[in-house]
Protein backbone atom coordinates (compact mmCIF):
# COMPACT_ATOMS: atom_id res chain seq x y z
CA MET A 1 133.82 34.79 97.28
CA LYS A 2 135.79 37.13 99.56
CA ALA A 3 134.11 38.70 102.60
CA ALA A 4 134.80 40.29 105.95
CA ILE A 5 133.81 37.95 108.78
CA VAL A 6 133.24 38.70 112.46
CA GLU A 7 134.32 35.27 113.64
CA SER A 8 134.02 35.83 117.38
CA VAL A 9 133.85 38.75 119.81
CA GLY A 10 136.67 41.10 118.89
CA LYS A 11 137.97 39.01 115.99
CA VAL A 12 137.43 40.21 112.41
CA VAL A 13 139.08 38.63 109.39
CA VAL A 14 138.78 38.71 105.61
CA GLY A 15 138.41 35.29 104.01
CA ALA A 16 136.48 33.06 101.66
CA VAL A 17 132.80 32.24 102.19
CA PRO A 18 130.30 30.50 99.88
CA ASP A 19 128.72 32.58 97.13
CA PRO A 20 125.12 33.56 97.98
CA THR A 21 122.24 32.08 96.03
CA PRO A 22 118.96 33.97 95.73
CA GLY A 23 115.73 32.67 97.21
CA PRO A 24 112.54 32.84 95.13
CA ARG A 25 111.95 36.53 95.84
CA GLU A 26 115.59 37.55 96.32
CA VAL A 27 118.38 38.91 94.19
CA VAL A 28 122.15 38.72 94.43
CA VAL A 29 123.91 42.06 94.34
CA GLU A 30 127.52 42.55 93.30
CA VAL A 31 128.56 45.03 95.95
CA ALA A 32 130.06 48.31 94.74
CA ALA A 33 130.65 49.80 98.21
CA CYS A 34 129.74 49.07 101.82
CA GLY A 35 129.79 51.67 104.57
CA LEU A 36 130.92 51.19 108.16
CA CYS A 37 128.93 52.51 111.10
CA GLY A 38 128.64 52.28 114.87
CA THR A 39 126.48 49.18 114.61
CA ASP A 40 129.46 47.36 113.11
CA LEU A 41 131.47 48.16 116.23
CA HIS A 42 128.68 46.73 118.37
CA ILE A 43 128.63 43.58 116.23
CA ARG A 44 132.36 43.20 116.78
CA GLN A 45 131.65 43.43 120.51
CA GLY A 46 128.99 40.73 120.24
CA GLU A 47 126.13 43.21 120.76
CA PHE A 48 123.11 44.30 118.74
CA ALA A 49 121.61 40.88 118.09
CA PRO A 50 124.40 39.18 116.13
CA THR A 51 124.97 35.44 116.07
CA LEU A 52 128.63 34.93 115.25
CA PRO A 53 130.22 34.31 112.86
CA VAL A 54 128.52 36.78 110.52
CA VAL A 55 129.44 38.80 107.45
CA PRO A 56 128.70 42.43 108.47
CA GLY A 57 127.70 45.33 106.26
CA HIS A 58 124.20 46.82 106.28
CA GLU A 59 125.00 49.98 104.29
CA PHE A 60 125.60 48.89 100.72
CA ALA A 61 124.75 49.33 97.07
CA GLY A 62 125.67 47.49 93.91
CA THR A 63 124.49 45.82 90.72
CA VAL A 64 121.98 42.99 90.45
CA VAL A 65 123.69 39.91 88.98
CA ALA A 66 121.23 37.08 89.78
CA LEU A 67 117.49 36.82 90.40
CA GLY A 68 115.21 34.36 92.17
CA ARG A 69 112.54 32.64 90.12
CA ASP A 70 109.69 34.88 91.36
CA VAL A 71 111.44 38.24 90.87
CA SER A 72 109.84 40.28 88.10
CA ASP A 73 110.44 43.94 89.00
CA LEU A 74 114.25 43.87 88.74
CA ALA A 75 116.66 42.74 86.05
CA ALA A 76 120.30 41.79 85.89
CA GLY A 77 122.34 44.94 85.49
CA ASP A 78 120.05 47.14 87.60
CA ARG A 79 122.00 49.36 89.98
CA VAL A 80 120.38 49.34 93.43
CA ALA A 81 120.72 50.49 97.01
CA VAL A 82 119.57 47.95 99.58
CA ASP A 83 117.38 48.51 102.63
CA PRO A 84 118.78 45.97 105.13
CA SER A 85 115.57 45.71 107.19
CA LEU A 86 114.11 42.20 107.55
CA HIS A 87 110.71 42.28 109.25
CA CYS A 88 108.51 39.27 109.99
CA HIS A 89 105.28 41.09 108.96
CA GLU A 90 103.39 38.92 111.47
CA CYS A 91 104.03 40.22 115.01
CA ARG A 92 101.94 42.91 116.68
CA TYR A 93 104.47 45.65 115.86
CA CYS A 94 104.72 44.72 112.19
CA ARG A 95 100.94 44.58 111.93
CA ALA A 96 100.79 48.03 113.52
CA GLY A 97 103.20 49.42 110.91
CA ARG A 98 106.16 49.50 113.32
CA GLY A 99 108.39 46.94 111.65
CA ASN A 100 111.55 48.53 113.06
CA LEU A 101 110.38 47.20 116.44
CA CYS A 102 109.63 43.73 115.05
CA GLU A 103 109.63 41.00 117.70
CA ARG A 104 111.74 38.90 115.32
CA TRP A 105 113.89 41.85 114.25
CA ALA A 106 116.61 40.99 111.76
CA ALA A 107 118.76 42.83 109.25
CA ILE A 108 121.13 42.09 106.42
CA GLY A 109 124.65 42.55 107.73
CA VAL A 110 123.56 42.22 111.35
CA THR A 111 121.77 38.89 111.75
CA THR A 112 122.37 37.53 108.23
CA ALA A 113 125.28 37.86 105.79
CA GLY A 114 125.71 41.43 104.61
CA GLY A 115 127.45 43.67 102.13
CA ALA A 116 131.04 43.61 103.41
CA ALA A 117 131.63 41.09 100.65
CA GLN A 118 131.88 40.77 96.91
CA TYR A 119 128.27 39.60 96.67
CA ALA A 120 125.22 39.80 98.95
CA ALA A 121 121.69 38.42 98.77
CA ALA A 122 118.69 40.64 99.51
CA PRO A 123 114.92 40.56 99.09
CA ALA A 124 113.97 42.15 95.79
CA ALA A 125 111.46 44.28 97.69
CA ASN A 126 114.32 45.86 99.65
CA CYS A 127 116.12 47.09 96.54
CA VAL A 128 115.71 50.65 95.26
CA ARG A 129 116.89 51.42 91.73
CA LEU A 130 119.38 54.26 91.38
CA PRO A 131 118.93 57.04 88.84
CA ASP A 132 121.63 57.42 86.21
CA HIS A 133 123.31 60.43 87.84
CA VAL A 134 123.92 58.69 91.20
CA ARG A 135 127.21 56.82 91.50
CA THR A 136 126.72 53.31 92.80
CA GLN A 137 129.61 53.58 95.27
CA ASP A 138 128.15 56.78 96.73
CA ALA A 139 124.74 55.16 97.26
CA ALA A 140 126.03 53.32 100.34
CA LEU A 141 125.13 56.60 102.08
CA ILE A 142 121.40 56.07 101.51
CA GLU A 143 120.95 53.62 104.40
CA PRO A 144 122.37 55.92 107.09
CA LEU A 145 120.43 58.81 105.55
CA SER A 146 117.24 56.73 105.87
CA CYS A 147 117.96 56.38 109.60
CA ALA A 148 118.32 60.16 109.86
CA VAL A 149 115.04 60.64 108.00
CA ARG A 150 113.40 58.30 110.50
CA GLY A 151 114.87 60.42 113.31
CA TYR A 152 113.20 63.51 111.93
CA ASP A 153 109.95 61.62 111.54
CA VAL A 154 110.09 60.95 115.28
CA LEU A 155 110.94 64.57 116.11
CA ARG A 156 108.08 66.11 114.12
CA SER A 157 110.04 69.34 114.43
CA ARG A 158 108.22 72.63 114.24
CA LEU A 159 109.49 75.53 112.19
CA GLY A 160 111.89 77.89 113.91
CA ALA A 161 113.30 75.37 116.41
CA HIS A 162 116.75 75.83 117.92
CA VAL A 163 118.64 72.54 117.54
CA LEU A 164 121.72 71.20 119.33
CA ILE A 165 123.48 68.11 117.97
CA TYR A 166 126.04 66.10 119.92
CA GLY A 167 128.56 64.54 117.55
CA SER A 168 129.72 65.50 114.07
CA GLY A 169 130.41 62.05 112.70
CA THR A 170 128.42 60.86 109.71
CA MET A 171 125.10 60.64 111.54
CA GLY A 172 125.46 63.96 113.32
CA LEU A 173 126.30 65.63 110.00
CA MET A 174 123.27 64.04 108.35
CA MET A 175 121.04 65.29 111.15
CA LEU A 176 122.61 68.72 110.64
CA GLU A 177 121.75 68.69 106.93
CA LEU A 178 118.17 67.61 107.63
CA ALA A 179 117.75 70.18 110.40
CA LYS A 180 118.75 72.93 107.97
CA ARG A 181 116.08 71.69 105.55
CA THR A 182 113.27 71.29 108.07
CA GLY A 183 113.06 74.92 109.09
CA ALA A 184 115.40 75.12 112.10
CA ALA A 185 116.12 78.67 113.26
CA SER A 186 119.61 77.59 114.36
CA VAL A 187 121.65 74.40 114.39
CA ASP A 188 124.57 74.10 116.82
CA VAL A 189 126.99 71.19 117.01
CA VAL A 190 129.34 70.04 119.77
CA ASP A 191 132.13 67.51 119.35
CA LEU A 192 135.46 66.81 121.04
CA ASN A 193 137.01 65.84 117.68
CA PRO A 194 138.23 69.07 116.03
CA ARG A 195 138.63 67.49 112.58
CA ARG A 196 135.04 66.30 112.55
CA LEU A 197 133.84 69.60 113.95
CA ALA A 198 135.60 71.35 111.06
CA THR A 199 133.40 69.39 108.65
CA ALA A 200 130.28 70.55 110.50
CA GLN A 201 131.53 74.12 110.17
CA ARG A 202 132.10 73.56 106.45
CA LEU A 203 128.50 72.40 106.06
CA GLY A 204 127.18 75.53 107.74
CA VAL A 205 126.40 75.33 111.44
CA SER A 206 125.10 78.28 113.40
CA ALA A 207 127.73 77.67 116.08
CA SER A 208 130.10 74.88 117.08
CA ALA A 209 132.25 74.08 120.09
CA ALA A 210 133.91 71.32 122.06
CA GLY A 211 131.20 71.67 124.72
CA ALA A 212 127.76 73.22 125.09
CA ASP A 213 129.00 75.59 127.83
CA GLU A 214 130.83 77.48 125.08
CA LEU A 215 127.59 78.18 123.22
CA ASP A 216 125.27 81.07 123.96
CA ARG A 217 121.82 79.67 124.65
CA PRO A 218 121.17 79.90 128.40
CA GLY A 219 117.54 78.78 128.11
CA GLY A 220 118.50 75.59 126.34
CA TRP A 221 117.55 74.21 122.94
CA ASP A 222 114.14 73.19 121.64
CA VAL A 223 115.59 70.01 120.15
CA VAL A 224 118.67 68.19 121.45
CA ILE A 225 119.95 65.22 119.46
CA ASP A 226 122.57 62.78 120.67
CA ALA A 227 124.38 61.23 117.72
CA THR A 228 127.22 59.74 119.78
CA GLY A 229 125.86 57.03 122.06
CA ASN A 230 128.36 58.34 124.63
CA ALA A 231 127.11 58.45 128.23
CA ALA A 232 128.72 61.81 129.05
CA ALA A 233 127.28 63.44 125.93
CA ILE A 234 123.83 61.99 126.60
CA GLN A 235 123.87 63.15 130.21
CA ASP A 236 124.94 66.64 129.23
CA GLY A 237 122.38 66.80 126.43
CA LEU A 238 119.50 65.91 128.72
CA ASP A 239 120.35 68.95 130.80
CA ARG A 240 120.35 71.27 127.76
CA VAL A 241 116.73 70.74 126.68
CA ALA A 242 114.59 73.87 126.91
CA LYS A 243 111.12 73.89 128.45
CA ALA A 244 108.66 71.98 126.24
CA GLY A 245 111.68 70.71 124.29
CA THR A 246 112.59 67.27 122.99
CA PHE A 247 115.64 65.07 123.49
CA LEU A 248 116.24 62.48 120.77
CA GLN A 249 118.46 59.48 121.51
CA PHE A 250 119.74 58.82 118.01
CA GLY A 251 123.24 57.44 118.63
CA VAL A 252 123.59 53.74 119.47
CA ALA A 253 124.87 53.34 123.02
CA ASP A 254 126.48 50.25 124.53
CA TYR A 255 124.08 48.00 126.39
CA ALA A 256 125.67 48.98 129.71
CA THR A 257 125.36 52.77 129.21
CA ARG A 258 123.35 54.48 131.95
CA VAL A 259 122.36 58.10 132.56
CA THR A 260 120.31 59.90 135.21
CA VAL A 261 117.06 61.73 134.48
CA ASP A 262 115.24 64.28 136.60
CA PRO A 263 111.59 63.13 136.68
CA TYR A 264 110.30 66.34 138.27
CA ARG A 265 111.93 68.48 135.58
CA ILE A 266 110.49 66.25 132.84
CA TYR A 267 107.05 66.67 134.40
CA ASN A 268 107.30 70.34 135.32
CA GLN A 269 108.83 71.53 132.04
CA GLU A 270 106.97 69.09 129.78
CA ILE A 271 110.14 67.67 128.29
CA THR A 272 109.93 64.80 125.83
CA ILE A 273 112.61 62.09 125.74
CA THR A 274 112.37 59.78 122.75
CA GLY A 275 114.39 57.46 120.54
CA SER A 276 114.73 56.55 116.89
CA MET A 277 115.47 52.97 115.92
CA ALA A 278 116.92 52.25 112.46
CA VAL A 279 114.73 52.53 109.36
CA LEU A 280 110.94 52.78 109.12
CA HIS A 281 109.15 53.78 105.91
CA SER A 282 112.08 56.10 105.23
CA TYR A 283 114.41 54.29 102.84
CA GLU A 284 112.73 55.30 99.58
CA ARG A 285 112.43 58.91 100.76
CA ALA A 286 116.12 58.90 101.68
CA ALA A 287 116.97 57.60 98.22
CA GLU A 288 114.98 60.44 96.66
CA LEU A 289 116.62 63.03 98.91
CA PHE A 290 120.03 61.61 98.08
CA ALA A 291 119.30 61.75 94.35
CA ALA A 292 118.19 65.36 94.82
CA GLY A 293 121.56 66.25 96.31
CA VAL A 294 120.77 66.63 100.02
CA LEU A 295 124.25 65.23 100.79
CA ASP A 296 127.59 65.79 99.06
CA PRO A 297 129.29 62.37 98.92
CA GLU A 298 132.70 63.98 98.54
CA VAL A 299 132.21 65.68 101.91
CA PHE A 300 130.64 62.73 103.71
CA ILE A 301 132.88 59.92 102.45
CA SER A 302 136.41 60.44 103.71
CA ASP A 303 137.92 57.04 102.91
CA ARG A 304 137.34 54.41 100.24
CA LEU A 305 139.35 51.33 101.22
CA PRO A 306 139.66 47.86 99.69
CA LEU A 307 137.71 45.04 101.28
CA ASP A 308 140.99 43.41 102.31
CA ASP A 309 141.49 46.35 104.70
CA TYR A 310 138.15 45.87 106.49
CA PRO A 311 139.66 45.08 109.93
CA ARG A 312 141.91 48.15 109.70
CA ALA A 313 139.02 50.27 108.45
CA LEU A 314 136.97 49.20 111.48
CA ASP A 315 139.81 50.17 113.81
CA GLN A 316 140.15 53.52 112.06
CA PHE A 317 136.43 54.16 112.44
CA ALA A 318 136.55 53.20 116.13
CA ALA A 319 139.38 55.71 116.62
CA GLY A 320 137.26 58.51 115.18
CA VAL A 321 139.55 59.12 112.23
CA GLY A 322 137.70 60.33 109.14
CA ARG A 323 134.00 60.56 108.45
CA LYS A 324 132.14 57.87 106.52
CA ILE A 325 134.48 55.01 105.64
CA VAL A 326 133.41 52.67 102.86
CA VAL A 327 135.05 49.46 101.71
CA VAL A 328 135.14 48.59 98.04
CA PRO A 329 135.27 44.89 97.10
């Protein structure tokens, strides 16, 4: 079959790889669409736990075409979205219900072959059936939405909070949509990319700007979310948190990224700094929210490119052109 392959650090090609075969409790999915995200850029850089070469693609959906011998809850022809999480279920974090922090953490499309291919194998337990009205190609958005749902689980936001989001790429926009639905009094967005910021404005922000200095909230924001992973944005965001507020590190930063914190201010103003890692008990809820129309795929997906264009699509994503880019085998 044809697949995108990260062969070595910085080198991505499209070529032939063996067809996957399902294990006893696995299925093979014919991929309808696979989304690109910041993790894929880290994989290209040799970061985020990959062993190269690897077929990337952890945001995907498709149709079941083959089943392992012990699979009974799915059938060939079922349309599914796939949770890429692979937890060991044995370590202390898994046993405590924190599988996203698994000591043997793995994921389809990160540590094992993923959905940037014509076919991908996945545990049957990781597959969520799609209702008839959801397009299979659009369902690649469910995985990133499940990460955003996890982010809001971590925040435990109270009603009437004032929220500031750094970044209006796909993840920042998803956090915007969830903030609007979790009782925020205002949601402001900052981004240096005017085209992406225009999409945030289209979705209904309270205010938007290229920098937080342009916004009118001198006391700071109750919730500040970084959805960029950029050191300058993170540093600025930490300084914008109001007393008793929370800063959420949601964007994936490079390993070498460093910022400075003010310990006395954290103590004196009771500021919380926290993070949100991938998916945890949130995939099925994200699928239900997606089916209920929490996101408009025509707004979120800016480009649908053929799998042959995967290297170019990755470059386009890295350049900040467009919103969610999906490849279609």
